[in-house]
Amino acid sequence: MSKSLISLLLITAAFPSLAQSDTILFSKNNRKLNEDSKRHIASIARQINADPNRSFSILAFGPASGNHAWNNGYTVKQYLVDSGKVDQHSLRFFYFKSNRSMVVVRPSTTKEMEGTNCGVPPHPNIR
């Protein structure tokens, strides 16, 4: 079993609701979206826009060094808002340290809805 599959299984075990989610994978040290990712995110945007009364969570995972998780999650969030015309207030943004660079978009849990939107950059001068 590959390391990336093991990482995904471990993350899914830690967050059981990820089994009903959409995942965008990023290659190491790259936060640019390829055409397949853009099409996938466009599909996610259509699903989100079809259910305007529901909140969705963006869970970004990546290495601690270089703020990869935050950068990748922000890239997906901005693409959803700018290209997919998703209301940014319907999105909750959280980021976590992980060996795998990926972003998961799924309906928000009750606990996430009650919590703070953790999309604040890890430091004030982030690009």
C-alpha atoms as a PDB file:
ATOM      1  CA  MET A   1       0.000   0.000   0.000  1.00  0.00           C
ATOM      2  CA  SER A   2       1.414   3.409  -0.966  1.00  0.00           C
ATOM      3  CA  LYS A   3       2.279   6.086   1.600  1.00  0.00           C
ATOM      4  CA  SER A   4      -0.258   8.496   0.088  1.00  0.00           C
ATOM      5  CA  LEU A   5      -3.057   5.932   0.352  1.00  0.00           C
ATOM      6  CA  ILE A   6      -2.081   5.154   3.952  1.00  0.00           C
ATOM      7  CA  SER A   7      -2.088   8.894   4.739  1.00  0.00           C
ATOM      8  CA  LEU A   8      -5.514   9.306   3.173  1.00  0.00           C
ATOM      9  CA  LEU A   9      -6.860   6.310   5.139  1.00  0.00           C
ATOM     10  CA  LEU A  10      -5.441   7.663   8.407  1.00  0.00           C
ATOM     11  CA  ILE A  11      -6.905  11.105   7.776  1.00  0.00           C
ATOM     12  CA  THR A  12     -10.266   9.565   6.859  1.00  0.00           C
ATOM     13  CA  ALA A  13     -10.181   7.543  10.083  1.00  0.00           C
ATOM     14  CA  ALA A  14      -9.518  10.722  12.076  1.00  0.00           C
ATOM     15  CA  PHE A  15     -12.319  12.548  10.227  1.00  0.00           C
ATOM     16  CA  PRO A  16     -15.009   9.920   9.458  1.00  0.00           C
ATOM     17  CA  SER A  17     -17.177  12.329   7.479  1.00  0.00           C
ATOM     18  CA  LEU A  18     -14.437  12.613   4.838  1.00  0.00           C
ATOM     19  CA  ALA A  19     -15.732   9.415   3.296  1.00  0.00           C
ATOM     20  CA  GLN A  20     -18.511  11.572   1.776  1.00  0.00           C
ATOM     21  CA  SER A  21     -16.273  14.337   0.480  1.00  0.00           C
ATOM     22  CA  ASP A  22     -14.376  15.584  -2.534  1.00  0.00           C
ATOM     23  CA  THR A  23     -10.589  15.607  -2.439  1.00  0.00           C
ATOM     24  CA  ILE A  24      -8.151  17.694  -4.455  1.00  0.00           C
ATOM     25  CA  LEU A  25      -4.572  16.399  -4.358  1.00  0.00           C
ATOM     26  CA  PHE A  26      -1.553  18.663  -4.712  1.00  0.00           C
ATOM     27  CA  SER A  27       1.950  17.660  -5.663  1.00  0.00           C
ATOM     28  CA  LYS A  28       4.690  18.578  -3.234  1.00  0.00           C
ATOM     29  CA  ASN A  29       5.619  22.282  -3.136  1.00  0.00           C
ATOM     30  CA  ASN A  30       3.046  23.182  -5.785  1.00  0.00           C
ATOM     31  CA  ARG A  31      -0.141  25.091  -5.123  1.00  0.00           C
ATOM     32  CA  LYS A  32      -1.158  25.663  -8.727  1.00  0.00           C
ATOM     33  CA  LEU A  33      -4.314  23.967  -9.919  1.00  0.00           C
ATOM     34  CA  ASN A  34      -4.041  21.765 -12.999  1.00  0.00           C
ATOM     35  CA  GLU A  35      -6.921  21.478 -15.492  1.00  0.00           C
ATOM     36  CA  ASP A  36      -8.264  18.270 -13.900  1.00  0.00           C
ATOM     37  CA  SER A  37      -8.343  19.963 -10.483  1.00  0.00           C
ATOM     38  CA  LYS A  38     -10.112  22.999 -11.942  1.00  0.00           C
ATOM     39  CA  ARG A  39     -12.792  20.768 -13.492  1.00  0.00           C
ATOM     40  CA  HIS A  40     -13.173  18.884 -10.216  1.00  0.00           C
ATOM     41  CA  ILE A  41     -13.530  22.131  -8.243  1.00  0.00           C
ATOM     42  CA  ALA A  42     -16.062  23.432 -10.788  1.00  0.00           C
ATOM     43  CA  SER A  43     -18.106  20.277 -10.137  1.00  0.00           C
ATOM     44  CA  ILE A  44     -17.841  20.861  -6.383  1.00  0.00           C
ATOM     45  CA  ALA A  45     -18.959  24.488  -6.882  1.00  0.00           C
ATOM     46  CA  ARG A  46     -22.069  23.303  -8.747  1.00  0.00           C
ATOM     47  CA  GLN A  47     -22.908  20.965  -5.842  1.00  0.00           C
ATOM     48  CA  ILE A  48     -22.406  23.751  -3.296  1.00  0.00           C
ATOM     49  CA  ASN A  49     -24.477  26.232  -5.317  1.00  0.00           C
ATOM     50  CA  ALA A  50     -27.256  23.646  -5.629  1.00  0.00           C
ATOM     51  CA  ASP A  51     -27.581  23.616  -1.816  1.00  0.00           C
ATOM     52  CA  PRO A  52     -27.278  27.324  -0.855  1.00  0.00           C
ATOM     53  CA  ASN A  53     -28.613  26.885   2.693  1.00  0.00           C
ATOM     54  CA  ARG A  54     -25.837  24.491   3.689  1.00  0.00           C
ATOM     55  CA  SER A  55     -22.323  25.294   4.872  1.00  0.00           C
ATOM     56  CA  PHE A  56     -19.294  23.462   3.540  1.00  0.00           C
ATOM     57  CA  SER A  57     -15.877  22.910   5.077  1.00  0.00           C
ATOM     58  CA  ILE A  58     -12.556  23.157   3.339  1.00  0.00           C
ATOM     59  CA  LEU A  59     -10.057  20.972   5.184  1.00  0.00           C
ATOM     60  CA  ALA A  60      -6.523  21.578   3.990  1.00  0.00           C
ATOM     61  CA  PHE A  61      -3.723  19.152   4.861  1.00  0.00           C
ATOM     62  CA  GLY A  62      -0.018  19.642   4.234  1.00  0.00           C
ATOM     63  CA  PRO A  63       3.495  19.722   5.649  1.00  0.00           C
ATOM     64  CA  ALA A  64       4.138  22.176   8.472  1.00  0.00           C
ATOM     65  CA  SER A  65       7.039  23.780   6.641  1.00  0.00           C
ATOM     66  CA  GLY A  66       6.128  26.413   4.098  1.00  0.00           C
ATOM     67  CA  ASN A  67       2.465  26.773   5.096  1.00  0.00           C
ATOM     68  CA  HIS A  68       1.423  24.335   2.335  1.00  0.00           C
ATOM     69  CA  ALA A  69      -1.891  23.442   3.961  1.00  0.00           C
ATOM     70  CA  TRP A  70      -3.001  27.058   4.264  1.00  0.00           C
ATOM     71  CA  ASN A  71      -1.792  27.994   0.776  1.00  0.00           C
ATOM     72  CA  ASN A  72      -3.482  25.023  -0.914  1.00  0.00           C
ATOM     73  CA  GLY A  73      -6.716  25.459   1.010  1.00  0.00           C
ATOM     74  CA  TYR A  74      -6.798  29.160   0.201  1.00  0.00           C
ATOM     75  CA  THR A  75      -6.170  28.393  -3.488  1.00  0.00           C
ATOM     76  CA  VAL A  76      -9.162  26.034  -3.574  1.00  0.00           C
ATOM     77  CA  LYS A  77     -11.345  28.459  -1.605  1.00  0.00           C
ATOM     78  CA  GLN A  78     -10.545  31.349  -3.931  1.00  0.00           C
ATOM     79  CA  TYR A  79     -11.197  29.231  -7.020  1.00  0.00           C
ATOM     80  CA  LEU A  80     -14.574  28.196  -5.600  1.00  0.00           C
ATOM     81  CA  VAL A  81     -15.466  31.830  -4.879  1.00  0.00           C
ATOM     82  CA  ASP A  82     -13.988  33.487  -7.975  1.00  0.00           C
ATOM     83  CA  SER A  83     -14.659  30.920 -10.695  1.00  0.00           C
ATOM     84  CA  GLY A  84     -17.433  28.848  -9.135  1.00  0.00           C
ATOM     85  CA  LYS A  85     -19.387  31.857  -7.820  1.00  0.00           C
ATOM     86  CA  VAL A  86     -19.755  30.202  -4.394  1.00  0.00           C
ATOM     87  CA  ASP A  87     -20.757  32.516  -1.540  1.00  0.00           C
ATOM     88  CA  GLN A  88     -17.619  32.729   0.609  1.00  0.00           C
ATOM     89  CA  HIS A  89     -19.780  32.910   3.753  1.00  0.00           C
ATOM     90  CA  SER A  90     -20.972  29.355   3.121  1.00  0.00           C
ATOM     91  CA  LEU A  91     -17.386  28.061   3.404  1.00  0.00           C
ATOM     92  CA  ARG A  92     -15.518  27.121   6.584  1.00  0.00           C
ATOM     93  CA  PHE A  93     -11.738  26.851   6.213  1.00  0.00           C
ATOM     94  CA  PHE A  94      -9.512  24.716   8.451  1.00  0.00           C
ATOM     95  CA  TYR A  95      -5.924  23.591   7.962  1.00  0.00           C
ATOM     96  CA  PHE A  96      -3.878  20.770   9.484  1.00  0.00           C
ATOM     97  CA  LYS A  97      -0.354  19.363   9.433  1.00  0.00           C
ATOM     98  CA  SER A  98      -0.006  16.177   7.390  1.00  0.00           C
ATOM     99  CA  ASN A  99       2.490  14.333   5.215  1.00  0.00           C
ATOM    100  CA  ARG A 100       0.047  14.498   2.301  1.00  0.00           C
ATOM    101  CA  SER A 101      -0.808  17.733   0.487  1.00  0.00           C
ATOM    102  CA  MET A 102      -4.522  17.686  -0.204  1.00  0.00           C
ATOM    103  CA  VAL A 103      -7.677  19.687   0.263  1.00  0.00           C
ATOM    104  CA  VAL A 104     -11.001  18.115   1.186  1.00  0.00           C
ATOM    105  CA  VAL A 105     -14.332  19.846   0.589  1.00  0.00           C
ATOM    106  CA  ARG A 106     -17.400  18.441   2.326  1.00  0.00           C
ATOM    107  CA  PRO A 107     -20.587  19.496   4.104  1.00  0.00           C
ATOM    108  CA  SER A 108     -19.782  21.061   7.469  1.00  0.00           C
ATOM    109  CA  THR A 109     -20.395  19.127  10.652  1.00  0.00           C
ATOM    110  CA  THR A 110     -22.394  20.629  13.508  1.00  0.00           C
ATOM    111  CA  LYS A 111     -19.195  21.080  15.517  1.00  0.00           C
ATOM    112  CA  GLU A 112     -17.541  23.011  12.666  1.00  0.00           C
ATOM    113  CA  MET A 113     -20.620  25.203  12.332  1.00  0.00           C
ATOM    114  CA  GLU A 114     -20.404  26.150  16.013  1.00  0.00           C
ATOM    115  CA  GLY A 115     -16.657  26.806  15.890  1.00  0.00           C
ATOM    116  CA  THR A 116     -14.575  29.585  14.511  1.00  0.00           C
ATOM    117  CA  ASN A 117     -13.795  29.838  10.823  1.00  0.00           C
ATOM    118  CA  CYS A 118     -10.069  29.093  11.032  1.00  0.00           C
ATOM    119  CA  GLY A 119      -9.045  30.605   7.716  1.00  0.00           C
ATOM    120  CA  VAL A 120      -6.714  33.139   9.298  1.00  0.00           C
ATOM    121  CA  PRO A 121      -3.270  32.992   7.682  1.00  0.00           C
ATOM    122  CA  PRO A 122      -0.540  31.420   9.825  1.00  0.00           C
ATOM    123  CA  HIS A 123       1.356  34.708   9.741  1.00  0.00           C
ATOM    124  CA  PRO A 124       0.391  38.240   8.656  1.00  0.00           C
ATOM    125  CA  ASN A 125       2.680  38.567   5.625  1.00  0.00           C
ATOM    126  CA  ILE A 126       1.663  35.397   3.814  1.00  0.00           C
ATOM    127  CA  ARG A 127       1.581  35.555   0.022  1.00  0.00           C
END
